[in-house]
């Protein structure tokens, strides 16, 4: 299981427009007991692009991620990945197709080591069966070594924060910022083409936020991932985004570059309340 680090060069919007979106939602709606958490959302994300999804609390941002990763069911509409439907797939099949995510609240295996957390995330790419694991066959041992090597390579992206002696540290001993980094590493190790980051700098101090902001850009530039970010920190949104999509009550109210979106009267009103944009 060798690792190839894609070049991931940034593309101009015109070049992206000529491509097929890597992710597309068409008329996507998610309803909970009569409440439309998402209402007819059309969204496209192109290869090598970083798109930020913003909006006030309750706008439907995390519901969008949950629908894409099949942890909630869509009521209407379509979700396409590389031109093929994701509808009806289980979450593990969505991951196997090439979509990984992080969560608002960090979800690690607290008692597993840093390296084990990244190794276990690769289950969707393994070839050996339970039979090989039970008999501890040579093929199983070889694959286990490959998985460990891949895990170390992914963790090396984060430098000394997650390498060296930290390989063998239980996840619960890490600082909050390093647990955030480890969750991103675990997503990377699944072999995705698209990563969904749900509030990646939440709870971090300004120094930690600035460091992770730089890492988001490197995920695209050095590893070639397309990235969708949910974020409330507008400085992070401004720094990382090729394009910004704004949701309010499940509806897309604005889309464009950061400068245009941040000056949009509808966006200002959604964040600050009726009359704020007048």
C-alpha atoms as a PDB file:
ATOM      1  CA  UNK A   1       0.000   0.000   0.000  1.00  0.00           C
ATOM      2  CA  UNK A   2       2.371   2.691  -1.223  1.00  0.00           C
ATOM      3  CA  UNK A   3       1.640   6.397  -0.778  1.00  0.00           C
ATOM      4  CA  UNK A   4       1.732   8.869  -3.601  1.00  0.00           C
ATOM      5  CA  UNK A   5       1.612  12.566  -2.750  1.00  0.00           C
ATOM      6  CA  UNK A   6      -0.186  14.351  -5.618  1.00  0.00           C
ATOM      7  CA  UNK A   7       1.131  17.664  -6.922  1.00  0.00           C
ATOM      8  CA  UNK A   8      -2.199  19.396  -6.232  1.00  0.00           C
ATOM      9  CA  UNK A   9      -1.502  22.599  -8.153  1.00  0.00           C
ATOM     10  CA  UNK A  10      -4.182  25.253  -7.740  1.00  0.00           C
ATOM     11  CA  UNK A  11      -6.330  25.817 -10.811  1.00  0.00           C
ATOM     12  CA  UNK A  12      -7.883  29.028 -12.041  1.00  0.00           C
ATOM     13  CA  UNK A  13     -11.705  29.291 -11.804  1.00  0.00           C
ATOM     14  CA  UNK A  14     -12.047  29.164 -15.595  1.00  0.00           C
ATOM     15  CA  UNK A  15     -10.135  25.878 -15.710  1.00  0.00           C
ATOM     16  CA  UNK A  16     -12.287  24.492 -12.904  1.00  0.00           C
ATOM     17  CA  UNK A  17     -15.473  25.482 -14.712  1.00  0.00           C
ATOM     18  CA  UNK A  18     -14.434  23.326 -17.669  1.00  0.00           C
ATOM     19  CA  UNK A  19     -14.123  20.287 -15.406  1.00  0.00           C
ATOM     20  CA  UNK A  20     -16.706  17.956 -13.989  1.00  0.00           C
ATOM     21  CA  UNK A  21     -17.336  18.737 -10.309  1.00  0.00           C
ATOM     22  CA  UNK A  22     -15.837  16.203  -7.943  1.00  0.00           C
ATOM     23  CA  UNK A  23     -18.875  16.751  -5.692  1.00  0.00           C
ATOM     24  CA  UNK A  24     -22.282  18.042  -6.675  1.00  0.00           C
ATOM     25  CA  UNK A  25     -25.621  18.350  -4.927  1.00  0.00           C
ATOM     26  CA  UNK A  26     -28.765  18.968  -6.959  1.00  0.00           C
ATOM     27  CA  UNK A  27     -31.913  20.148  -5.209  1.00  0.00           C
ATOM     28  CA  UNK A  28     -30.732  18.524  -1.978  1.00  0.00           C
ATOM     29  CA  UNK A  29     -33.252  18.648   0.852  1.00  0.00           C
ATOM     30  CA  UNK A  30     -33.118  17.108   4.318  1.00  0.00           C
ATOM     31  CA  UNK A  31     -36.212  17.242   6.478  1.00  0.00           C
ATOM     32  CA  UNK A  32     -36.582  16.475  10.186  1.00  0.00           C
ATOM     33  CA  UNK A  33     -40.202  16.249  11.291  1.00  0.00           C
ATOM     34  CA  UNK A  34     -41.376  18.941   8.913  1.00  0.00           C
ATOM     35  CA  UNK A  35     -38.341  21.193   9.455  1.00  0.00           C
ATOM     36  CA  UNK A  36     -36.205  21.687   6.347  1.00  0.00           C
ATOM     37  CA  UNK A  37     -32.602  21.561   7.551  1.00  0.00           C
ATOM     38  CA  UNK A  38     -31.586  21.783   3.873  1.00  0.00           C
ATOM     39  CA  UNK A  39     -33.966  23.053   1.222  1.00  0.00           C
ATOM     40  CA  UNK A  40     -33.198  22.503  -2.463  1.00  0.00           C
ATOM     41  CA  UNK A  41     -29.449  23.042  -2.207  1.00  0.00           C
ATOM     42  CA  UNK A  42     -27.393  23.150  -5.411  1.00  0.00           C
ATOM     43  CA  UNK A  43     -23.652  23.001  -4.739  1.00  0.00           C
ATOM     44  CA  UNK A  44     -20.606  22.112  -6.820  1.00  0.00           C
ATOM     45  CA  UNK A  45     -17.015  21.526  -5.675  1.00  0.00           C
ATOM     46  CA  UNK A  46     -14.248  21.104  -8.239  1.00  0.00           C
ATOM     47  CA  UNK A  47     -11.007  19.091  -8.025  1.00  0.00           C
ATOM     48  CA  UNK A  48      -8.269  20.952  -6.170  1.00  0.00           C
ATOM     49  CA  UNK A  49     -10.686  23.568  -4.822  1.00  0.00           C
ATOM     50  CA  UNK A  50     -11.204  24.773  -1.240  1.00  0.00           C
ATOM     51  CA  UNK A  51     -14.804  25.793  -0.597  1.00  0.00           C
ATOM     52  CA  UNK A  52     -15.953  27.226   2.720  1.00  0.00           C
ATOM     53  CA  UNK A  53     -19.560  26.779   3.821  1.00  0.00           C
ATOM     54  CA  UNK A  54     -20.613  29.425   6.304  1.00  0.00           C
ATOM     55  CA  UNK A  55     -23.803  30.612   7.946  1.00  0.00           C
ATOM     56  CA  UNK A  56     -25.333  31.247  11.356  1.00  0.00           C
ATOM     57  CA  UNK A  57     -26.057  28.423  13.793  1.00  0.00           C
ATOM     58  CA  UNK A  58     -28.828  26.204  12.482  1.00  0.00           C
ATOM     59  CA  UNK A  59     -28.145  27.105   8.860  1.00  0.00           C
ATOM     60  CA  UNK A  60     -27.764  23.457   7.801  1.00  0.00           C
ATOM     61  CA  UNK A  61     -23.992  23.289   7.426  1.00  0.00           C
ATOM     62  CA  UNK A  62     -23.329  20.101   9.411  1.00  0.00           C
ATOM     63  CA  UNK A  63     -26.514  18.560   8.007  1.00  0.00           C
ATOM     64  CA  UNK A  64     -24.934  19.020   4.568  1.00  0.00           C
ATOM     65  CA  UNK A  65     -21.865  17.042   5.663  1.00  0.00           C
ATOM     66  CA  UNK A  66     -24.061  14.395   7.275  1.00  0.00           C
ATOM     67  CA  UNK A  67     -26.064  13.981   4.079  1.00  0.00           C
ATOM     68  CA  UNK A  68     -22.941  13.692   1.916  1.00  0.00           C
ATOM     69  CA  UNK A  69     -21.454  11.043   4.227  1.00  0.00           C
ATOM     70  CA  UNK A  70     -24.757   9.137   4.553  1.00  0.00           C
ATOM     71  CA  UNK A  71     -25.233   9.641   8.284  1.00  0.00           C
ATOM     72  CA  UNK A  72     -28.583  11.296   7.553  1.00  0.00           C
ATOM     73  CA  UNK A  73     -30.902  10.504   4.647  1.00  0.00           C
ATOM     74  CA  UNK A  74     -31.800  13.062   2.015  1.00  0.00           C
ATOM     75  CA  UNK A  75     -35.510  13.765   1.637  1.00  0.00           C
ATOM     76  CA  UNK A  76     -35.157  14.942  -1.957  1.00  0.00           C
ATOM     77  CA  UNK A  77     -32.491  15.655  -4.526  1.00  0.00           C
ATOM     78  CA  UNK A  78     -29.238  14.073  -5.596  1.00  0.00           C
ATOM     79  CA  UNK A  79     -25.650  13.834  -4.360  1.00  0.00           C
ATOM     80  CA  UNK A  80     -23.032  13.028  -6.987  1.00  0.00           C
ATOM     81  CA  UNK A  81     -19.360  12.213  -6.451  1.00  0.00           C
ATOM     82  CA  UNK A  82     -17.191  12.075  -9.561  1.00  0.00           C
ATOM     83  CA  UNK A  83     -20.414  12.010 -11.559  1.00  0.00           C
ATOM     84  CA  UNK A  84     -21.904   8.979  -9.787  1.00  0.00           C
ATOM     85  CA  UNK A  85     -24.710   8.967  -7.247  1.00  0.00           C
ATOM     86  CA  UNK A  86     -24.021   8.464  -3.541  1.00  0.00           C
ATOM     87  CA  UNK A  87     -27.703   7.984  -2.763  1.00  0.00           C
ATOM     88  CA  UNK A  88     -28.473   4.804  -0.844  1.00  0.00           C
ATOM     89  CA  UNK A  89     -24.862   4.035   0.082  1.00  0.00           C
ATOM     90  CA  UNK A  90     -23.796   3.197   3.632  1.00  0.00           C
ATOM     91  CA  UNK A  91     -21.235   5.531   5.274  1.00  0.00           C
ATOM     92  CA  UNK A  92     -18.420   2.983   4.827  1.00  0.00           C
ATOM     93  CA  UNK A  93     -19.112   2.812   1.091  1.00  0.00           C
ATOM     94  CA  UNK A  94     -19.022   6.604   0.859  1.00  0.00           C
ATOM     95  CA  UNK A  95     -15.610   6.533   2.540  1.00  0.00           C
ATOM     96  CA  UNK A  96     -14.432   3.812   0.175  1.00  0.00           C
ATOM     97  CA  UNK A  97     -15.519   5.974  -2.768  1.00  0.00           C
ATOM     98  CA  UNK A  98     -13.105   8.683  -1.615  1.00  0.00           C
ATOM     99  CA  UNK A  99     -14.781  11.059   0.853  1.00  0.00           C
ATOM    100  CA  UNK A 100     -13.446  11.579   4.383  1.00  0.00           C
ATOM    101  CA  UNK A 101     -14.539  13.956   7.105  1.00  0.00           C
ATOM    102  CA  UNK A 102     -13.834  15.370  10.532  1.00  0.00           C
ATOM    103  CA  UNK A 103     -16.421  16.360  13.134  1.00  0.00           C
ATOM    104  CA  UNK A 104     -17.326  19.402  15.240  1.00  0.00           C
ATOM    105  CA  UNK A 105     -16.573  17.347  18.335  1.00  0.00           C
ATOM    106  CA  UNK A 106     -13.385  15.321  18.016  1.00  0.00           C
ATOM    107  CA  UNK A 107     -14.153  11.600  17.662  1.00  0.00           C
ATOM    108  CA  UNK A 108     -10.985   9.606  18.258  1.00  0.00           C
ATOM    109  CA  UNK A 109     -10.367   6.179  19.767  1.00  0.00           C
ATOM    110  CA  UNK A 110      -9.112   7.668  23.012  1.00  0.00           C
ATOM    111  CA  UNK A 111      -7.347   4.555  24.341  1.00  0.00           C
ATOM    112  CA  UNK A 112      -5.676   3.670  21.054  1.00  0.00           C
ATOM    113  CA  UNK A 113      -2.289   5.140  20.236  1.00  0.00           C
ATOM    114  CA  UNK A 114      -1.801   7.939  17.755  1.00  0.00           C
ATOM    115  CA  UNK A 115      -0.496   5.493  15.143  1.00  0.00           C
ATOM    116  CA  UNK A 116      -3.268   2.958  15.806  1.00  0.00           C
ATOM    117  CA  UNK A 117      -5.913   5.645  15.245  1.00  0.00           C
ATOM    118  CA  UNK A 118      -4.509   6.302  11.788  1.00  0.00           C
ATOM    119  CA  UNK A 119      -4.012   2.616  11.008  1.00  0.00           C
ATOM    120  CA  UNK A 120      -7.575   1.637  11.876  1.00  0.00           C
ATOM    121  CA  UNK A 121      -8.948   4.317   9.554  1.00  0.00           C
ATOM    122  CA  UNK A 122      -7.471   2.410   6.604  1.00  0.00           C
ATOM    123  CA  UNK A 123      -9.822  -0.571   6.986  1.00  0.00           C
ATOM    124  CA  UNK A 124     -11.726   0.524   3.881  1.00  0.00           C
ATOM    125  CA  UNK A 125      -8.567  -0.052   1.797  1.00  0.00           C
ATOM    126  CA  UNK A 126      -7.400  -3.385   3.228  1.00  0.00           C
ATOM    127  CA  UNK A 127      -7.305  -6.586   1.182  1.00  0.00           C
ATOM    128  CA  UNK A 128      -6.900  -9.287   3.839  1.00  0.00           C
ATOM    129  CA  UNK A 129      -9.863 -11.142   5.334  1.00  0.00           C
ATOM    130  CA  UNK A 130     -10.727 -12.042   8.910  1.00  0.00           C
ATOM    131  CA  UNK A 131      -9.277 -15.471   8.111  1.00  0.00           C
ATOM    132  CA  UNK A 132      -5.843 -13.923   7.523  1.00  0.00           C
ATOM    133  CA  UNK A 133      -6.056 -11.952  10.745  1.00  0.00           C
ATOM    134  CA  UNK A 134      -7.006 -14.997  12.806  1.00  0.00           C
ATOM    135  CA  UNK A 135      -4.180 -17.109  11.387  1.00  0.00           C
ATOM    136  CA  UNK A 136      -1.765 -14.164  11.310  1.00  0.00           C
ATOM    137  CA  UNK A 137      -0.687 -15.120   7.811  1.00  0.00           C
ATOM    138  CA  UNK A 138       2.356 -13.693   6.068  1.00  0.00           C
ATOM    139  CA  UNK A 139       0.100 -11.725   3.725  1.00  0.00           C
ATOM    140  CA  UNK A 140      -1.711 -10.232   6.709  1.00  0.00           C
ATOM    141  CA  UNK A 141       1.567  -9.323   8.427  1.00  0.00           C
ATOM    142  CA  UNK A 142       2.869  -7.673   5.259  1.00  0.00           C
ATOM    143  CA  UNK A 143      -0.270  -5.632   4.828  1.00  0.00           C
ATOM    144  CA  UNK A 144      -0.205  -4.623   8.503  1.00  0.00           C
ATOM    145  CA  UNK A 145       3.364  -3.343   8.029  1.00  0.00           C
ATOM    146  CA  UNK A 146       2.293  -1.391   4.943  1.00  0.00           C
ATOM    147  CA  UNK A 147      -0.610   0.150   6.853  1.00  0.00           C
ATOM    148  CA  UNK A 148       1.715   1.198   9.678  1.00  0.00           C
ATOM    149  CA  UNK A 149       4.147   2.740   7.200  1.00  0.00           C
ATOM    150  CA  UNK A 150       1.349   4.649   5.500  1.00  0.00           C
ATOM    151  CA  UNK A 151       0.139   5.847   8.895  1.00  0.00           C
ATOM    152  CA  UNK A 152       3.588   7.179   9.751  1.00  0.00           C
ATOM    153  CA  UNK A 153       3.836   8.956   6.417  1.00  0.00           C
ATOM    154  CA  UNK A 154       0.483  10.647   6.923  1.00  0.00           C
ATOM    155  CA  UNK A 155       1.410  11.655  10.476  1.00  0.00           C
ATOM    156  CA  UNK A 156       4.701  13.107   9.250  1.00  0.00           C
ATOM    157  CA  UNK A 157       2.674  15.810   7.485  1.00  0.00           C
ATOM    158  CA  UNK A 158       2.101  17.289  10.955  1.00  0.00           C
ATOM    159  CA  UNK A 159       5.783  17.276  11.892  1.00  0.00           C
ATOM    160  CA  UNK A 160       6.829  16.678  15.496  1.00  0.00           C
ATOM    161  CA  UNK A 161       3.275  17.298  16.714  1.00  0.00           C
ATOM    162  CA  UNK A 162       2.284  13.701  15.912  1.00  0.00           C
ATOM    163  CA  UNK A 163       5.524  11.837  15.171  1.00  0.00           C
ATOM    164  CA  UNK A 164       8.410  10.215  17.054  1.00  0.00           C
ATOM    165  CA  UNK A 165       7.479   9.162  20.568  1.00  0.00           C
ATOM    166  CA  UNK A 166       3.923  10.363  19.956  1.00  0.00           C
ATOM    167  CA  UNK A 167       3.272   7.368  17.666  1.00  0.00           C
ATOM    168  CA  UNK A 168       2.878   5.250  20.811  1.00  0.00           C
ATOM    169  CA  UNK A 169       1.011   7.770  22.954  1.00  0.00           C
ATOM    170  CA  UNK A 170      -2.688   7.134  23.659  1.00  0.00           C
ATOM    171  CA  UNK A 171      -4.849   9.687  21.888  1.00  0.00           C
ATOM    172  CA  UNK A 172      -6.358  10.901  25.167  1.00  0.00           C
ATOM    173  CA  UNK A 173      -2.951  12.248  26.288  1.00  0.00           C
ATOM    174  CA  UNK A 174      -2.735  14.701  23.370  1.00  0.00           C
ATOM    175  CA  UNK A 175      -3.507  18.384  23.661  1.00  0.00           C
ATOM    176  CA  UNK A 176      -6.802  19.533  22.175  1.00  0.00           C
ATOM    177  CA  UNK A 177      -5.061  21.033  19.134  1.00  0.00           C
ATOM    178  CA  UNK A 178      -3.140  17.813  18.505  1.00  0.00           C
ATOM    179  CA  UNK A 179      -6.323  15.772  18.795  1.00  0.00           C
ATOM    180  CA  UNK A 180      -7.744  17.995  16.046  1.00  0.00           C
ATOM    181  CA  UNK A 181      -4.654  17.325  13.945  1.00  0.00           C
ATOM    182  CA  UNK A 182      -4.938  13.591  14.569  1.00  0.00           C
ATOM    183  CA  UNK A 183      -8.540  13.583  13.393  1.00  0.00           C
ATOM    184  CA  UNK A 184      -7.437  15.229  10.142  1.00  0.00           C
ATOM    185  CA  UNK A 185      -4.627  12.652   9.830  1.00  0.00           C
ATOM    186  CA  UNK A 186      -7.142   9.865  10.268  1.00  0.00           C
ATOM    187  CA  UNK A 187      -9.245  11.333   7.445  1.00  0.00           C
ATOM    188  CA  UNK A 188      -6.170  11.626   5.212  1.00  0.00           C
ATOM    189  CA  UNK A 189      -5.251   7.984   5.816  1.00  0.00           C
ATOM    190  CA  UNK A 190      -8.497   6.720   4.278  1.00  0.00           C
ATOM    191  CA  UNK A 191      -7.113   7.652   0.860  1.00  0.00           C
ATOM    192  CA  UNK A 192      -9.704  10.313   0.007  1.00  0.00           C
ATOM    193  CA  UNK A 193     -10.048  12.667  -2.922  1.00  0.00           C
ATOM    194  CA  UNK A 194     -12.338  15.008  -0.972  1.00  0.00           C
ATOM    195  CA  UNK A 195     -12.045  15.976   2.705  1.00  0.00           C
ATOM    196  CA  UNK A 196     -14.857  17.624   4.662  1.00  0.00           C
ATOM    197  CA  UNK A 197     -13.567  19.647   7.636  1.00  0.00           C
ATOM    198  CA  UNK A 198     -16.222  20.563  10.207  1.00  0.00           C
ATOM    199  CA  UNK A 199     -15.027  23.616  12.191  1.00  0.00           C
ATOM    200  CA  UNK A 200     -11.366  22.531  12.239  1.00  0.00           C
ATOM    201  CA  UNK A 201     -10.096  25.460  14.353  1.00  0.00           C
ATOM    202  CA  UNK A 202     -12.957  25.504  16.873  1.00  0.00           C
ATOM    203  CA  UNK A 203     -11.619  25.896  20.415  1.00  0.00           C
ATOM    204  CA  UNK A 204      -8.086  26.811  19.329  1.00  0.00           C
ATOM    205  CA  UNK A 205      -6.116  29.876  20.345  1.00  0.00           C
ATOM    206  CA  UNK A 206      -4.977  32.359  17.645  1.00  0.00           C
ATOM    207  CA  UNK A 207      -1.554  30.748  17.238  1.00  0.00           C
ATOM    208  CA  UNK A 208      -3.030  27.265  16.849  1.00  0.00           C
ATOM    209  CA  UNK A 209      -5.687  28.583  14.447  1.00  0.00           C
ATOM    210  CA  UNK A 210      -3.064  30.232  12.259  1.00  0.00           C
ATOM    211  CA  UNK A 211      -1.012  27.021  12.125  1.00  0.00           C
ATOM    212  CA  UNK A 212      -3.988  24.882  11.180  1.00  0.00           C
ATOM    213  CA  UNK A 213      -5.079  27.437   8.582  1.00  0.00           C
ATOM    214  CA  UNK A 214      -1.730  26.932   6.875  1.00  0.00           C
ATOM    215  CA  UNK A 215      -2.171  23.161   7.051  1.00  0.00           C
ATOM    216  CA  UNK A 216      -5.509  23.374   5.222  1.00  0.00           C
ATOM    217  CA  UNK A 217      -3.827  25.065   2.277  1.00  0.00           C
ATOM    218  CA  UNK A 218      -1.061  22.465   2.289  1.00  0.00           C
ATOM    219  CA  UNK A 219      -3.594  19.619   2.234  1.00  0.00           C
ATOM    220  CA  UNK A 220      -4.695  20.906  -1.156  1.00  0.00           C
ATOM    221  CA  UNK A 221      -1.350  22.094  -2.500  1.00  0.00           C
ATOM    222  CA  UNK A 222       0.800  19.114  -1.420  1.00  0.00           C
ATOM    223  CA  UNK A 223      -1.679  16.231  -1.335  1.00  0.00           C
ATOM    224  CA  UNK A 224      -4.135  17.330  -4.019  1.00  0.00           C
ATOM    225  CA  UNK A 225      -7.313  17.046  -1.946  1.00  0.00           C
ATOM    226  CA  UNK A 226     -10.449  18.970  -2.743  1.00  0.00           C
ATOM    227  CA  UNK A 227     -11.667  20.411   0.559  1.00  0.00           C
ATOM    228  CA  UNK A 228     -14.960  21.693   1.917  1.00  0.00           C
ATOM    229  CA  UNK A 229     -14.666  23.604   5.202  1.00  0.00           C
ATOM    230  CA  UNK A 230     -17.376  24.567   7.665  1.00  0.00           C
ATOM    231  CA  UNK A 231     -15.985  27.404   9.740  1.00  0.00           C
ATOM    232  CA  UNK A 232     -17.166  30.305  11.918  1.00  0.00           C
ATOM    233  CA  UNK A 233     -13.759  31.984  12.088  1.00  0.00           C
ATOM    234  CA  UNK A 234     -13.945  34.486   9.224  1.00  0.00           C
ATOM    235  CA  UNK A 235     -10.186  35.032   9.222  1.00  0.00           C
ATOM    236  CA  UNK A 236      -9.719  31.349   8.435  1.00  0.00           C
ATOM    237  CA  UNK A 237     -12.417  31.518   5.754  1.00  0.00           C
ATOM    238  CA  UNK A 238     -10.749  34.525   4.145  1.00  0.00           C
ATOM    239  CA  UNK A 239      -7.318  32.890   4.148  1.00  0.00           C
ATOM    240  CA  UNK A 240      -8.164  29.439   2.789  1.00  0.00           C
ATOM    241  CA  UNK A 241     -11.178  29.802   0.503  1.00  0.00           C
ATOM    242  CA  UNK A 242     -11.282  29.767  -3.269  1.00  0.00           C
ATOM    243  CA  UNK A 243     -15.033  30.186  -2.963  1.00  0.00           C
ATOM    244  CA  UNK A 244     -17.517  30.764  -0.147  1.00  0.00           C
ATOM    245  CA  UNK A 245     -21.078  29.415   0.039  1.00  0.00           C
ATOM    246  CA  UNK A 246     -23.471  30.935   2.577  1.00  0.00           C
ATOM    247  CA  UNK A 247     -26.442  29.018   3.995  1.00  0.00           C
ATOM    248  CA  UNK A 248     -29.318  30.373   6.064  1.00  0.00           C
ATOM    249  CA  UNK A 249     -32.164  28.146   7.265  1.00  0.00           C
ATOM    250  CA  UNK A 250     -31.067  25.458   4.827  1.00  0.00           C
ATOM    251  CA  UNK A 251     -31.107  27.733   1.768  1.00  0.00           C
ATOM    252  CA  UNK A 252     -28.108  29.030  -0.172  1.00  0.00           C
ATOM    253  CA  UNK A 253     -28.297  32.830   0.005  1.00  0.00           C
ATOM    254  CA  UNK A 254     -24.911  33.764  -1.485  1.00  0.00           C
ATOM    255  CA  UNK A 255     -21.911  32.303  -3.277  1.00  0.00           C
ATOM    256  CA  UNK A 256     -18.663  33.804  -4.533  1.00  0.00           C
ATOM    257  CA  UNK A 257     -15.259  34.951  -3.360  1.00  0.00           C
ATOM    258  CA  UNK A 258     -14.791  36.102   0.224  1.00  0.00           C
ATOM    259  CA  UNK A 259     -14.801  39.825  -0.538  1.00  0.00           C
ATOM    260  CA  UNK A 260     -18.100  39.709  -2.420  1.00  0.00           C
ATOM    261  CA  UNK A 261     -19.833  37.387   0.029  1.00  0.00           C
ATOM    262  CA  UNK A 262     -18.753  39.290   3.145  1.00  0.00           C
ATOM    263  CA  UNK A 263     -20.215  42.523   1.702  1.00  0.00           C
ATOM    264  CA  UNK A 264     -23.508  40.912   0.616  1.00  0.00           C
ATOM    265  CA  UNK A 265     -26.476  42.539   2.448  1.00  0.00           C
ATOM    266  CA  UNK A 266     -28.295  39.197   2.760  1.00  0.00           C
ATOM    267  CA  UNK A 267     -25.249  37.643   4.424  1.00  0.00           C
ATOM    268  CA  UNK A 268     -24.864  40.559   6.834  1.00  0.00           C
ATOM    269  CA  UNK A 269     -28.543  40.338   7.743  1.00  0.00           C
ATOM    270  CA  UNK A 270     -28.342  36.547   8.265  1.00  0.00           C
ATOM    271  CA  UNK A 271     -25.483  36.964  10.715  1.00  0.00           C
ATOM    272  CA  UNK A 272     -26.505  40.162  12.480  1.00  0.00           C
ATOM    273  CA  UNK A 273     -30.277  40.158  12.207  1.00  0.00           C
ATOM    274  CA  UNK A 274     -32.995  42.010  10.302  1.00  0.00           C
ATOM    275  CA  UNK A 275     -32.117  45.626   9.580  1.00  0.00           C
ATOM    276  CA  UNK A 276     -28.350  45.216  10.065  1.00  0.00           C
ATOM    277  CA  UNK A 277     -27.641  45.649   6.367  1.00  0.00           C
ATOM    278  CA  UNK A 278     -29.634  48.900   5.999  1.00  0.00           C
END
